[in-house]
Amino acid sequence: MAGIVLVPWYATVWRGDRLEAAVEEIAPVALRYGATEYEVLRSRDDRYRIRQTAAFERKIDFERYWYGPEFEVFRGEYASWYQVPIVYEWYERTVRGALEPEAVAANGE
C-alpha cells in the first residue's frame, strides 16, 4: 500500500551539520528504489533533529532502499553521527494540499 516513510534522525554532539549533509546525499537514492518523492527536514528548535521522508507505492521498495548497499555503506560510515536505534515509521497519506505556482506568484504581486 502506498505510503510515506518518516526516518527520525538525531545527531550526536557537534555533528548536526555533517549528519544533515550526509542524509541529504542518501535521500535521493530512494528514487532509484521506486520512491516518487523525498524530503529532508531539519528542526529550527533542535538543530540535532533531522527528519527524512520519502513516498513509496510499496513498502517493500522502501525496505529494498533501507537495507540496500547504499544504506549499508551509509550506516558503516556515519554510525557515530546519530543516535540509535533509528526506528522508521510508515504512514498512509490521508490528505495533502498545496498552492499551484501560478497562485503563489499572483498572491505575491
PDB file of N, CA and C in Angstrom:
ATOM      1  N   MET A   1       0.835  -1.174   0.000  1.00  0.00           N
ATOM      2  CA  MET A   1       0.000   0.000   0.000  1.00  0.00           C
ATOM      3  C   MET A   1       0.881   1.238   0.000  1.00  0.00           C
ATOM      4  N   ALA A   2       0.542   2.217  -0.796  1.00  0.00           N
ATOM      5  CA  ALA A   2       1.318   3.450  -0.914  1.00  0.00           C
ATOM      6  C   ALA A   2       1.399   4.157   0.428  1.00  0.00           C
ATOM      7  N   GLY A   3       2.541   4.772   0.663  1.00  0.00           N
ATOM      8  CA  GLY A   3       2.697   5.464   1.929  1.00  0.00           C
ATOM      9  C   GLY A   3       3.909   6.375   1.955  1.00  0.00           C
ATOM     10  N   ILE A   4       4.034   7.039   3.077  1.00  0.00           N
ATOM     11  CA  ILE A   4       5.149   7.939   3.347  1.00  0.00           C
ATOM     12  C   ILE A   4       5.924   7.351   4.506  1.00  0.00           C
ATOM     13  N   VAL A   5       7.216   7.234   4.337  1.00  0.00           N
ATOM     14  CA  VAL A   5       8.052   6.761   5.434  1.00  0.00           C
ATOM     15  C   VAL A   5       8.738   7.961   6.065  1.00  0.00           C
ATOM     16  N   LEU A   6       8.802   7.966   7.383  1.00  0.00           N
ATOM     17  CA  LEU A   6       9.484   9.019   8.124  1.00  0.00           C
ATOM     18  C   LEU A   6      10.626   8.382   8.900  1.00  0.00           C
ATOM     19  N   VAL A   7      11.832   8.886   8.680  1.00  0.00           N
ATOM     20  CA  VAL A   7      13.014   8.394   9.386  1.00  0.00           C
ATOM     21  C   VAL A   7      13.484   9.511  10.312  1.00  0.00           C
ATOM     22  N   PRO A   8      13.395   9.293  11.639  1.00  0.00           N
ATOM     23  CA  PRO A   8      13.763  10.333  12.598  1.00  0.00           C
ATOM     24  C   PRO A   8      15.232  10.233  13.024  1.00  0.00           C
ATOM     25  N   TRP A   9      16.077  11.023  12.416  1.00  0.00           N
ATOM     26  CA  TRP A   9      17.495  11.052  12.769  1.00  0.00           C
ATOM     27  C   TRP A   9      17.709  12.022  13.929  1.00  0.00           C
ATOM     28  N   TYR A  10      18.659  11.704  14.802  1.00  0.00           N
ATOM     29  CA  TYR A  10      19.052  12.627  15.864  1.00  0.00           C
ATOM     30  C   TYR A  10      20.578  12.591  15.946  1.00  0.00           C
ATOM     31  N   ALA A  11      21.189  13.716  15.606  1.00  0.00           N
ATOM     32  CA  ALA A  11      22.646  13.789  15.522  1.00  0.00           C
ATOM     33  C   ALA A  11      23.287  13.739  16.909  1.00  0.00           C
ATOM     34  N   THR A  12      24.490  13.200  16.955  1.00  0.00           N
ATOM     35  CA  THR A  12      25.274  13.244  18.182  1.00  0.00           C
ATOM     36  C   THR A  12      25.943  14.616  18.279  1.00  0.00           C
ATOM     37  N   VAL A  13      26.502  14.914  19.421  1.00  0.00           N
ATOM     38  CA  VAL A  13      27.042  16.250  19.707  1.00  0.00           C
ATOM     39  C   VAL A  13      28.015  16.721  18.629  1.00  0.00           C
ATOM     40  N   TRP A  14      27.806  17.943  18.187  1.00  0.00           N
ATOM     41  CA  TRP A  14      28.626  18.649  17.204  1.00  0.00           C
ATOM     42  C   TRP A  14      28.561  18.061  15.796  1.00  0.00           C
ATOM     43  N   ARG A  15      27.629  17.144  15.531  1.00  0.00           N
ATOM     44  CA  ARG A  15      27.572  16.520  14.208  1.00  0.00           C
ATOM     45  C   ARG A  15      26.303  16.844  13.433  1.00  0.00           C
ATOM     46  N   GLY A  16      25.517  17.799  13.890  1.00  0.00           N
ATOM     47  CA  GLY A  16      24.257  18.122  13.230  1.00  0.00           C
ATOM     48  C   GLY A  16      24.425  18.530  11.779  1.00  0.00           C
ATOM     49  N   ASP A  17      25.363  19.442  11.504  1.00  0.00           N
ATOM     50  CA  ASP A  17      25.568  19.911  10.134  1.00  0.00           C
ATOM     51  C   ASP A  17      26.066  18.787   9.232  1.00  0.00           C
ATOM     52  N   ARG A  18      26.996  17.996   9.748  1.00  0.00           N
ATOM     53  CA  ARG A  18      27.546  16.906   8.928  1.00  0.00           C
ATOM     54  C   ARG A  18      26.519  15.803   8.686  1.00  0.00           C
ATOM     55  N   LEU A  19      25.700  15.498   9.715  1.00  0.00           N
ATOM     56  CA  LEU A  19      24.664  14.490   9.507  1.00  0.00           C
ATOM     57  C   LEU A  19      23.631  14.991   8.509  1.00  0.00           C
ATOM     58  N   GLU A  20      23.271  16.250   8.599  1.00  0.00           N
ATOM     59  CA  GLU A  20      22.325  16.821   7.626  1.00  0.00           C
ATOM     60  C   GLU A  20      22.849  16.635   6.206  1.00  0.00           C
ATOM     61  N   ALA A  21      24.098  16.955   5.978  1.00  0.00           N
ATOM     62  CA  ALA A  21      24.687  16.807   4.642  1.00  0.00           C
ATOM     63  C   ALA A  21      24.694  15.342   4.199  1.00  0.00           C
ATOM     64  N   ALA A  22      24.999  14.435   5.112  1.00  0.00           N
ATOM     65  CA  ALA A  22      25.039  13.010   4.770  1.00  0.00           C
ATOM     66  C   ALA A  22      23.646  12.492   4.417  1.00  0.00           C
ATOM     67  N   VAL A  23      22.630  12.897   5.182  1.00  0.00           N
ATOM     68  CA  VAL A  23      21.259  12.463   4.894  1.00  0.00           C
ATOM     69  C   VAL A  23      20.795  13.066   3.570  1.00  0.00           C
ATOM     70  N   GLU A  24      21.202  14.300   3.295  1.00  0.00           N
ATOM     71  CA  GLU A  24      20.856  14.915   2.005  1.00  0.00           C
ATOM     72  C   GLU A  24      21.453  14.139   0.832  1.00  0.00           C
ATOM     73  N   GLU A  25      22.575  13.471   1.044  1.00  0.00           N
ATOM     74  CA  GLU A  25      23.184  12.660  -0.015  1.00  0.00           C
ATOM     75  C   GLU A  25      22.469  11.330  -0.208  1.00  0.00           C
ATOM     76  N   ILE A  26      22.043  10.692   0.888  1.00  0.00           N
ATOM     77  CA  ILE A  26      21.416   9.377   0.768  1.00  0.00           C
ATOM     78  C   ILE A  26      19.935   9.474   0.399  1.00  0.00           C
ATOM     79  N   ALA A  27      19.280  10.577   0.716  1.00  0.00           N
ATOM     80  CA  ALA A  27      17.839  10.716   0.471  1.00  0.00           C
ATOM     81  C   ALA A  27      17.451  10.526  -1.002  1.00  0.00           C
ATOM     82  N   PRO A  28      18.136  11.162  -1.971  1.00  0.00           N
ATOM     83  CA  PRO A  28      17.723  10.998  -3.364  1.00  0.00           C
ATOM     84  C   PRO A  28      17.920   9.587  -3.914  1.00  0.00           C
ATOM     85  N   VAL A  29      18.732   8.782  -3.259  1.00  0.00           N
ATOM     86  CA  VAL A  29      18.929   7.395  -3.695  1.00  0.00           C
ATOM     87  C   VAL A  29      17.605   6.635  -3.648  1.00  0.00           C
ATOM     88  N   ALA A  30      16.672   7.088  -2.811  1.00  0.00           N
ATOM     89  CA  ALA A  30      15.358   6.443  -2.715  1.00  0.00           C
ATOM     90  C   ALA A  30      14.649   6.407  -4.066  1.00  0.00           C
ATOM     91  N   LEU A  31      14.904   7.390  -4.911  1.00  0.00           N
ATOM     92  CA  LEU A  31      14.269   7.427  -6.236  1.00  0.00           C
ATOM     93  C   LEU A  31      14.656   6.216  -7.075  1.00  0.00           C
ATOM     94  N   ARG A  32      15.859   5.718  -6.886  1.00  0.00           N
ATOM     95  CA  ARG A  32      16.312   4.521  -7.622  1.00  0.00           C
ATOM     96  C   ARG A  32      15.536   3.278  -7.210  1.00  0.00           C
ATOM     97  N   TYR A  33      14.930   3.330  -6.022  1.00  0.00           N
ATOM     98  CA  TYR A  33      14.204   2.178  -5.482  1.00  0.00           C
ATOM     99  C   TYR A  33      12.690   2.338  -5.591  1.00  0.00           C
ATOM    100  N   GLY A  34      12.245   3.317  -6.337  1.00  0.00           N
ATOM    101  CA  GLY A  34      10.819   3.458  -6.581  1.00  0.00           C
ATOM    102  C   GLY A  34      10.135   4.579  -5.828  1.00  0.00           C
ATOM    103  N   ALA A  35      10.849   5.358  -5.052  1.00  0.00           N
ATOM    104  CA  ALA A  35      10.222   6.497  -4.376  1.00  0.00           C
ATOM    105  C   ALA A  35       9.747   7.502  -5.426  1.00  0.00           C
ATOM    106  N   THR A  36       8.651   8.170  -5.133  1.00  0.00           N
ATOM    107  CA  THR A  36       8.148   9.194  -6.038  1.00  0.00           C
ATOM    108  C   THR A  36       8.542  10.590  -5.575  1.00  0.00           C
ATOM    109  N   GLU A  37       8.960  10.702  -4.321  1.00  0.00           N
ATOM    110  CA  GLU A  37       9.458  11.972  -3.793  1.00  0.00           C
ATOM    111  C   GLU A  37      10.248  11.697  -2.520  1.00  0.00           C
ATOM    112  N   TYR A  38      11.062  12.655  -2.132  1.00  0.00           N
ATOM    113  CA  TYR A  38      11.808  12.568  -0.877  1.00  0.00           C
ATOM    114  C   TYR A  38      11.967  13.971  -0.321  1.00  0.00           C
ATOM    115  N   GLU A  39      12.313  14.031   0.954  1.00  0.00           N
ATOM    116  CA  GLU A  39      12.474  15.324   1.610  1.00  0.00           C
ATOM    117  C   GLU A  39      13.356  15.135   2.840  1.00  0.00           C
ATOM    118  N   VAL A  40      14.152  16.146   3.151  1.00  0.00           N
ATOM    119  CA  VAL A  40      14.927  16.176   4.383  1.00  0.00           C
ATOM    120  C   VAL A  40      14.566  17.470   5.099  1.00  0.00           C
ATOM    121  N   LEU A  41      14.187  17.334   6.364  1.00  0.00           N
ATOM    122  CA  LEU A  41      13.796  18.480   7.183  1.00  0.00           C
ATOM    123  C   LEU A  41      14.729  18.567   8.386  1.00  0.00           C
ATOM    124  N   ARG A  42      15.035  19.792   8.798  1.00  0.00           N
ATOM    125  CA  ARG A  42      15.849  19.985   9.999  1.00  0.00           C
ATOM    126  C   ARG A  42      15.129  20.958  10.924  1.00  0.00           C
ATOM    127  N   SER A  43      15.018  20.577  12.158  1.00  0.00           N
ATOM    128  CA  SER A  43      14.309  21.388  13.137  1.00  0.00           C
ATOM    129  C   SER A  43      15.036  22.701  13.394  1.00  0.00           C
ATOM    130  N   ARG A  44      14.283  23.776  13.474  1.00  0.00           N
ATOM    131  CA  ARG A  44      14.861  25.068  13.858  1.00  0.00           C
ATOM    132  C   ARG A  44      14.979  25.175  15.371  1.00  0.00           C
ATOM    133  N   ASP A  45      14.160  24.418  16.095  1.00  0.00           N
ATOM    134  CA  ASP A  45      14.190  24.457  17.554  1.00  0.00           C
ATOM    135  C   ASP A  45      15.256  23.548  18.144  1.00  0.00           C
ATOM    136  N   ASP A  46      15.526  22.444  17.498  1.00  0.00           N
ATOM    137  CA  ASP A  46      16.517  21.481  17.969  1.00  0.00           C
ATOM    138  C   ASP A  46      17.378  21.099  16.768  1.00  0.00           C
ATOM    139  N   ARG A  47      18.504  21.730  16.607  1.00  0.00           N
ATOM    140  CA  ARG A  47      19.332  21.583  15.407  1.00  0.00           C
ATOM    141  C   ARG A  47      19.930  20.187  15.244  1.00  0.00           C
ATOM    142  N   TYR A  48      19.783  19.333  16.242  1.00  0.00           N
ATOM    143  CA  TYR A  48      20.257  17.952  16.129  1.00  0.00           C
ATOM    144  C   TYR A  48      19.182  17.032  15.545  1.00  0.00           C
ATOM    145  N   ARG A  49      17.960  17.512  15.420  1.00  0.00           N
ATOM    146  CA  ARG A  49      16.836  16.701  14.944  1.00  0.00           C
ATOM    147  C   ARG A  49      16.652  16.887  13.439  1.00  0.00           C
ATOM    148  N   ILE A  50      16.729  15.783  12.719  1.00  0.00           N
ATOM    149  CA  ILE A  50      16.589  15.768  11.258  1.00  0.00           C
ATOM    150  C   ILE A  50      15.545  14.712  10.918  1.00  0.00           C
ATOM    151  N   ARG A  51      14.649  15.047   9.997  1.00  0.00           N
ATOM    152  CA  ARG A  51      13.612  14.118   9.556  1.00  0.00           C
ATOM    153  C   ARG A  51      13.763  13.887   8.065  1.00  0.00           C
ATOM    154  N   GLN A  52      13.798  12.632   7.688  1.00  0.00           N
ATOM    155  CA  GLN A  52      13.861  12.247   6.282  1.00  0.00           C
ATOM    156  C   GLN A  52      12.531  11.594   5.933  1.00  0.00           C
ATOM    157  N   THR A  53      11.934  12.008   4.826  1.00  0.00           N
ATOM    158  CA  THR A  53      10.700  11.369   4.375  1.00  0.00           C
ATOM    159  C   THR A  53      10.853  10.948   2.922  1.00  0.00           C
ATOM    160  N   ALA A  54      10.066   9.964   2.547  1.00  0.00           N
ATOM    161  CA  ALA A  54      10.018   9.523   1.154  1.00  0.00           C
ATOM    162  C   ALA A  54       8.670   8.857   0.919  1.00  0.00           C
ATOM    163  N   ALA A  55       8.149   9.020  -0.282  1.00  0.00           N
ATOM    164  CA  ALA A  55       6.885   8.402  -0.672  1.00  0.00           C
ATOM    165  C   ALA A  55       7.175   7.195  -1.558  1.00  0.00           C
ATOM    166  N   PHE A  56       6.601   6.076  -1.203  1.00  0.00           N
ATOM    167  CA  PHE A  56       6.748   4.839  -1.969  1.00  0.00           C
ATOM    168  C   PHE A  56       5.379   4.249  -2.235  1.00  0.00           C
ATOM    169  N   GLU A  57       5.216   3.624  -3.370  1.00  0.00           N
ATOM    170  CA  GLU A  57       3.969   2.914  -3.672  1.00  0.00           C
ATOM    171  C   GLU A  57       3.881   1.618  -2.867  1.00  0.00           C
ATOM    172  N   ARG A  58       5.031   0.989  -2.652  1.00  0.00           N
ATOM    173  CA  ARG A  58       5.042  -0.287  -1.932  1.00  0.00           C
ATOM    174  C   ARG A  58       6.090  -0.239  -0.830  1.00  0.00           C
ATOM    175  N   LYS A  59       5.724  -0.749   0.337  1.00  0.00           N
ATOM    176  CA  LYS A  59       6.657  -0.755   1.466  1.00  0.00           C
ATOM    177  C   LYS A  59       7.896  -1.588   1.152  1.00  0.00           C
ATOM    178  N   ILE A  60       7.743  -2.644   0.377  1.00  0.00           N
ATOM    179  CA  ILE A  60       8.884  -3.496   0.031  1.00  0.00           C
ATOM    180  C   ILE A  60       9.954  -2.693  -0.714  1.00  0.00           C
ATOM    181  N   ASP A  61       9.541  -1.698  -1.509  1.00  0.00           N
ATOM    182  CA  ASP A  61      10.522  -0.869  -2.210  1.00  0.00           C
ATOM    183  C   ASP A  61      11.317  -0.025  -1.225  1.00  0.00           C
ATOM    184  N   PHE A  62      10.640   0.501  -0.203  1.00  0.00           N
ATOM    185  CA  PHE A  62      11.377   1.223   0.839  1.00  0.00           C
ATOM    186  C   PHE A  62      12.350   0.288   1.536  1.00  0.00           C
ATOM    187  N   GLU A  63      11.929  -0.915   1.855  1.00  0.00           N
ATOM    188  CA  GLU A  63      12.803  -1.857   2.549  1.00  0.00           C
ATOM    189  C   GLU A  63      14.020  -2.216   1.697  1.00  0.00           C
ATOM    190  N   ARG A  64      13.843  -2.309   0.389  1.00  0.00           N
ATOM    191  CA  ARG A  64      14.984  -2.549  -0.504  1.00  0.00           C
ATOM    192  C   ARG A  64      15.969  -1.387  -0.414  1.00  0.00           C
ATOM    193  N   TYR A  65      15.455  -0.172  -0.342  1.00  0.00           N
ATOM    194  CA  TYR A  65      16.289   1.024  -0.181  1.00  0.00           C
ATOM    195  C   TYR A  65      16.979   1.019   1.180  1.00  0.00           C
ATOM    196  N   TRP A  66      16.216   0.807   2.252  1.00  0.00           N
ATOM    197  CA  TRP A  66      16.713   0.871   3.619  1.00  0.00           C
ATOM    198  C   TRP A  66      17.788  -0.182   3.890  1.00  0.00           C
ATOM    199  N   TYR A  67      17.621  -1.367   3.328  1.00  0.00           N
ATOM    200  CA  TYR A  67      18.577  -2.455   3.554  1.00  0.00           C
ATOM    201  C   TYR A  67      19.529  -2.651   2.375  1.00  0.00           C
ATOM    202  N   GLY A  68      19.484  -1.757   1.404  1.00  0.00           N
ATOM    203  CA  GLY A  68      20.319  -1.876   0.207  1.00  0.00           C
ATOM    204  C   GLY A  68      21.767  -1.496   0.444  1.00  0.00           C
ATOM    205  N   PRO A  69      22.595  -1.679  -0.572  1.00  0.00           N
ATOM    206  CA  PRO A  69      24.037  -1.460  -0.421  1.00  0.00           C
ATOM    207  C   PRO A  69      24.402  -0.005  -0.108  1.00  0.00           C
ATOM    208  N   GLU A  70      23.660   0.948  -0.639  1.00  0.00           N
ATOM    209  CA  GLU A  70      23.983   2.350  -0.381  1.00  0.00           C
ATOM    210  C   GLU A  70      23.779   2.694   1.097  1.00  0.00           C
ATOM    211  N   PHE A  71      22.667   2.213   1.665  1.00  0.00           N
ATOM    212  CA  PHE A  71      22.413   2.492   3.080  1.00  0.00           C
ATOM    213  C   PHE A  71      23.335   1.669   3.973  1.00  0.00           C
ATOM    214  N   GLU A  72      23.745   0.521   3.514  1.00  0.00           N
ATOM    215  CA  GLU A  72      24.713  -0.272   4.277  1.00  0.00           C
ATOM    216  C   GLU A  72      26.022   0.508   4.416  1.00  0.00           C
ATOM    217  N   VAL A  73      26.477   1.094   3.335  1.00  0.00           N
ATOM    218  CA  VAL A  73      27.686   1.931   3.373  1.00  0.00           C
ATOM    219  C   VAL A  73      27.448   3.156   4.241  1.00  0.00           C
ATOM    220  N   PHE A  74      26.286   3.790   4.104  1.00  0.00           N
ATOM    221  CA  PHE A  74      25.938   4.972   4.903  1.00  0.00           C
ATOM    222  C   PHE A  74      26.040   4.652   6.395  1.00  0.00           C
ATOM    223  N   ARG A  75      25.401   3.563   6.821  1.00  0.00           N
ATOM    224  CA  ARG A  75      25.428   3.198   8.239  1.00  0.00           C
ATOM    225  C   ARG A  75      26.843   2.901   8.715  1.00  0.00           C
ATOM    226  N   GLY A  76      27.629   2.260   7.892  1.00  0.00           N
ATOM    227  CA  GLY A  76      29.007   1.965   8.275  1.00  0.00           C
ATOM    228  C   GLY A  76      29.861   3.220   8.430  1.00  0.00           C
ATOM    229  N   GLU A  77      29.635   4.179   7.554  1.00  0.00           N
ATOM    230  CA  GLU A  77      30.442   5.394   7.563  1.00  0.00           C
ATOM    231  C   GLU A  77      29.995   6.411   8.609  1.00  0.00           C
ATOM    232  N   TYR A  78      28.689   6.505   8.853  1.00  0.00           N
ATOM    233  CA  TYR A  78      28.160   7.577   9.699  1.00  0.00           C
ATOM    234  C   TYR A  78      27.527   7.095  11.000  1.00  0.00           C
ATOM    235  N   ALA A  79      27.741   5.861  11.389  1.00  0.00           N
ATOM    236  CA  ALA A  79      27.086   5.303  12.576  1.00  0.00           C
ATOM    237  C   ALA A  79      27.320   6.126  13.839  1.00  0.00           C
ATOM    238  N   SER A  80      28.450   6.749  13.983  1.00  0.00           N
ATOM    239  CA  SER A  80      28.721   7.532  15.196  1.00  0.00           C
ATOM    240  C   SER A  80      28.143   8.940  15.122  1.00  0.00           C
ATOM    241  N   TRP A  81      27.525   9.298  14.001  1.00  0.00           N
ATOM    242  CA  TRP A  81      26.993  10.649  13.818  1.00  0.00           C
ATOM    243  C   TRP A  81      25.548  10.785  14.264  1.00  0.00           C
ATOM    244  N   TYR A  82      24.876   9.680  14.598  1.00  0.00           N
ATOM    245  CA  TYR A  82      23.471   9.738  15.001  1.00  0.00           C
ATOM    246  C   TYR A  82      23.203   8.751  16.129  1.00  0.00           C
ATOM    247  N   GLN A  83      22.151   9.054  16.884  1.00  0.00           N
ATOM    248  CA  GLN A  83      21.767   8.184  17.984  1.00  0.00           C
ATOM    249  C   GLN A  83      20.972   7.001  17.461  1.00  0.00           C
ATOM    250  N   VAL A  84      21.195   5.860  18.059  1.00  0.00           N
ATOM    251  CA  VAL A  84      20.474   4.645  17.685  1.00  0.00           C
ATOM    252  C   VAL A  84      19.580   4.229  18.844  1.00  0.00           C
ATOM    253  N   PRO A  85      18.537   3.508  18.602  1.00  0.00           N
ATOM    254  CA  PRO A  85      18.156   2.962  17.310  1.00  0.00           C
ATOM    255  C   PRO A  85      17.406   3.980  16.451  1.00  0.00           C
ATOM    256  N   ILE A  86      17.455   3.779  15.167  1.00  0.00           N
ATOM    257  CA  ILE A  86      16.651   4.541  14.223  1.00  0.00           C
ATOM    258  C   ILE A  86      15.433   3.674  13.918  1.00  0.00           C
ATOM    259  N   VAL A  87      14.276   4.144  14.291  1.00  0.00           N
ATOM    260  CA  VAL A  87      13.044   3.394  14.073  1.00  0.00           C
ATOM    261  C   VAL A  87      12.177   4.204  13.121  1.00  0.00           C
ATOM    262  N   TYR A  88      12.108   3.753  11.871  1.00  0.00           N
ATOM    263  CA  TYR A  88      11.298   4.478  10.889  1.00  0.00           C
ATOM    264  C   TYR A  88       9.817   4.187  11.119  1.00  0.00           C
ATOM    265  N   GLU A  89       8.980   5.084  10.596  1.00  0.00           N
ATOM    266  CA  GLU A  89       7.537   4.924  10.695  1.00  0.00           C
ATOM    267  C   GLU A  89       6.936   5.009   9.297  1.00  0.00           C
ATOM    268  N   TRP A  90       5.961   4.143   9.039  1.00  0.00           N
ATOM    269  CA  TRP A  90       5.282   4.101   7.743  1.00  0.00           C
ATOM    270  C   TRP A  90       3.895   4.722   7.912  1.00  0.00           C
ATOM    271  N   TYR A  91       3.596   5.740   7.116  1.00  0.00           N
ATOM    272  CA  TYR A  91       2.323   6.445   7.203  1.00  0.00           C
ATOM    273  C   TYR A  91       1.554   6.298   5.895  1.00  0.00           C
ATOM    274  N   GLU A  92       0.243   6.323   6.001  1.00  0.00           N
ATOM    275  CA  GLU A  92      -0.617   6.443   4.833  1.00  0.00           C
ATOM    276  C   GLU A  92      -1.022   7.903   4.737  1.00  0.00           C
ATOM    277  N   ARG A  93      -0.844   8.497   3.577  1.00  0.00           N
ATOM    278  CA  ARG A  93      -1.250   9.889   3.386  1.00  0.00           C
ATOM    279  C   ARG A  93      -2.767   9.923   3.250  1.00  0.00           C
ATOM    280  N   THR A  94      -3.402  10.751   4.057  1.00  0.00           N
ATOM    281  CA  THR A  94      -4.851  10.856   4.008  1.00  0.00           C
ATOM    282  C   THR A  94      -5.318  12.107   3.284  1.00  0.00           C
ATOM    283  N   VAL A  95      -4.519  13.147   3.297  1.00  0.00           N
ATOM    284  CA  VAL A  95      -4.856  14.356   2.566  1.00  0.00           C
ATOM    285  C   VAL A  95      -3.570  15.167   2.382  1.00  0.00           C
ATOM    286  N   ARG A  96      -3.545  15.928   1.309  1.00  0.00           N
ATOM    287  CA  ARG A  96      -2.397  16.784   1.036  1.00  0.00           C
ATOM    288  C   ARG A  96      -2.891  17.978   0.237  1.00  0.00           C
ATOM    289  N   GLY A  97      -2.340  19.121   0.460  1.00  0.00           N
ATOM    290  CA  GLY A  97      -2.728  20.310  -0.278  1.00  0.00           C
ATOM    291  C   GLY A  97      -1.512  21.156  -0.581  1.00  0.00           C
ATOM    292  N   ALA A  98      -1.645  21.997  -1.577  1.00  0.00           N
ATOM    293  CA  ALA A  98      -0.565  22.911  -1.957  1.00  0.00           C
ATOM    294  C   ALA A  98      -1.143  23.974  -2.871  1.00  0.00           C
ATOM    295  N   LEU A  99      -0.463  25.085  -2.945  1.00  0.00           N
ATOM    296  CA  LEU A  99      -0.813  26.122  -3.904  1.00  0.00           C
ATOM    297  C   LEU A  99      -0.069  25.858  -5.199  1.00  0.00           C
ATOM    298  N   GLU A 100      -0.724  26.080  -6.308  1.00  0.00           N
ATOM    299  CA  GLU A 100      -0.067  25.977  -7.602  1.00  0.00           C
ATOM    300  C   GLU A 100       0.898  27.156  -7.741  1.00  0.00           C
ATOM    301  N   PRO A 101       2.009  26.988  -8.443  1.00  0.00           N
ATOM    302  CA  PRO A 101       2.982  28.077  -8.593  1.00  0.00           C
ATOM    303  C   PRO A 101       2.365  29.377  -9.111  1.00  0.00           C
ATOM    304  N   GLU A 102       1.383  29.272 -10.021  1.00  0.00           N
ATOM    305  CA  GLU A 102       0.739  30.473 -10.554  1.00  0.00           C
ATOM    306  C   GLU A 102       0.007  31.229  -9.448  1.00  0.00           C
ATOM    307  N   ALA A 103      -0.635  30.509  -8.521  1.00  0.00           N
ATOM    308  CA  ALA A 103      -1.371  31.143  -7.433  1.00  0.00           C
ATOM    309  C   ALA A 103      -0.420  31.833  -6.473  1.00  0.00           C
ATOM    310  N   VAL A 104       0.733  31.233  -6.231  1.00  0.00           N
ATOM    311  CA  VAL A 104       1.726  31.837  -5.351  1.00  0.00           C
ATOM    312  C   VAL A 104       2.240  33.118  -5.967  1.00  0.00           C
ATOM    313  N   ALA A 105       2.534  33.083  -7.281  1.00  0.00           N
ATOM    314  CA  ALA A 105       3.031  34.263  -7.973  1.00  0.00           C
ATOM    315  C   ALA A 105       1.982  35.368  -7.986  1.00  0.00           C
ATOM    316  N   ALA A 106       0.721  35.023  -8.193  1.00  0.00           N
ATOM    317  CA  ALA A 106      -0.350  36.012  -8.216  1.00  0.00           C
ATOM    318  C   ALA A 106      -0.541  36.661  -6.864  1.00  0.00           C
ATOM    319  N   ASN A 107      -0.382  35.898  -5.793  1.00  0.00           N
ATOM    320  CA  ASN A 107      -0.531  36.442  -4.443  1.00  0.00           C
ATOM    321  C   ASN A 107       0.626  37.356  -4.069  1.00  0.00           C
ATOM    322  N   GLY A 108       1.760  37.155  -4.706  1.00  0.00           N
ATOM    323  CA  GLY A 108       2.955  37.947  -4.392  1.00  0.00           C
ATOM    324  C   GLY A 108       2.997  39.278  -5.103  1.00  0.00           C
ATOM    325  N   GLU A 109       2.134  39.493  -6.072  1.00  0.00           N
ATOM    326  CA  GLU A 109       2.163  40.746  -6.852  1.00  0.00           C
ATOM    327  C   GLU A 109       1.386  41.844  -6.177  1.00  0.00           C
TER     328      GLU A 109
END
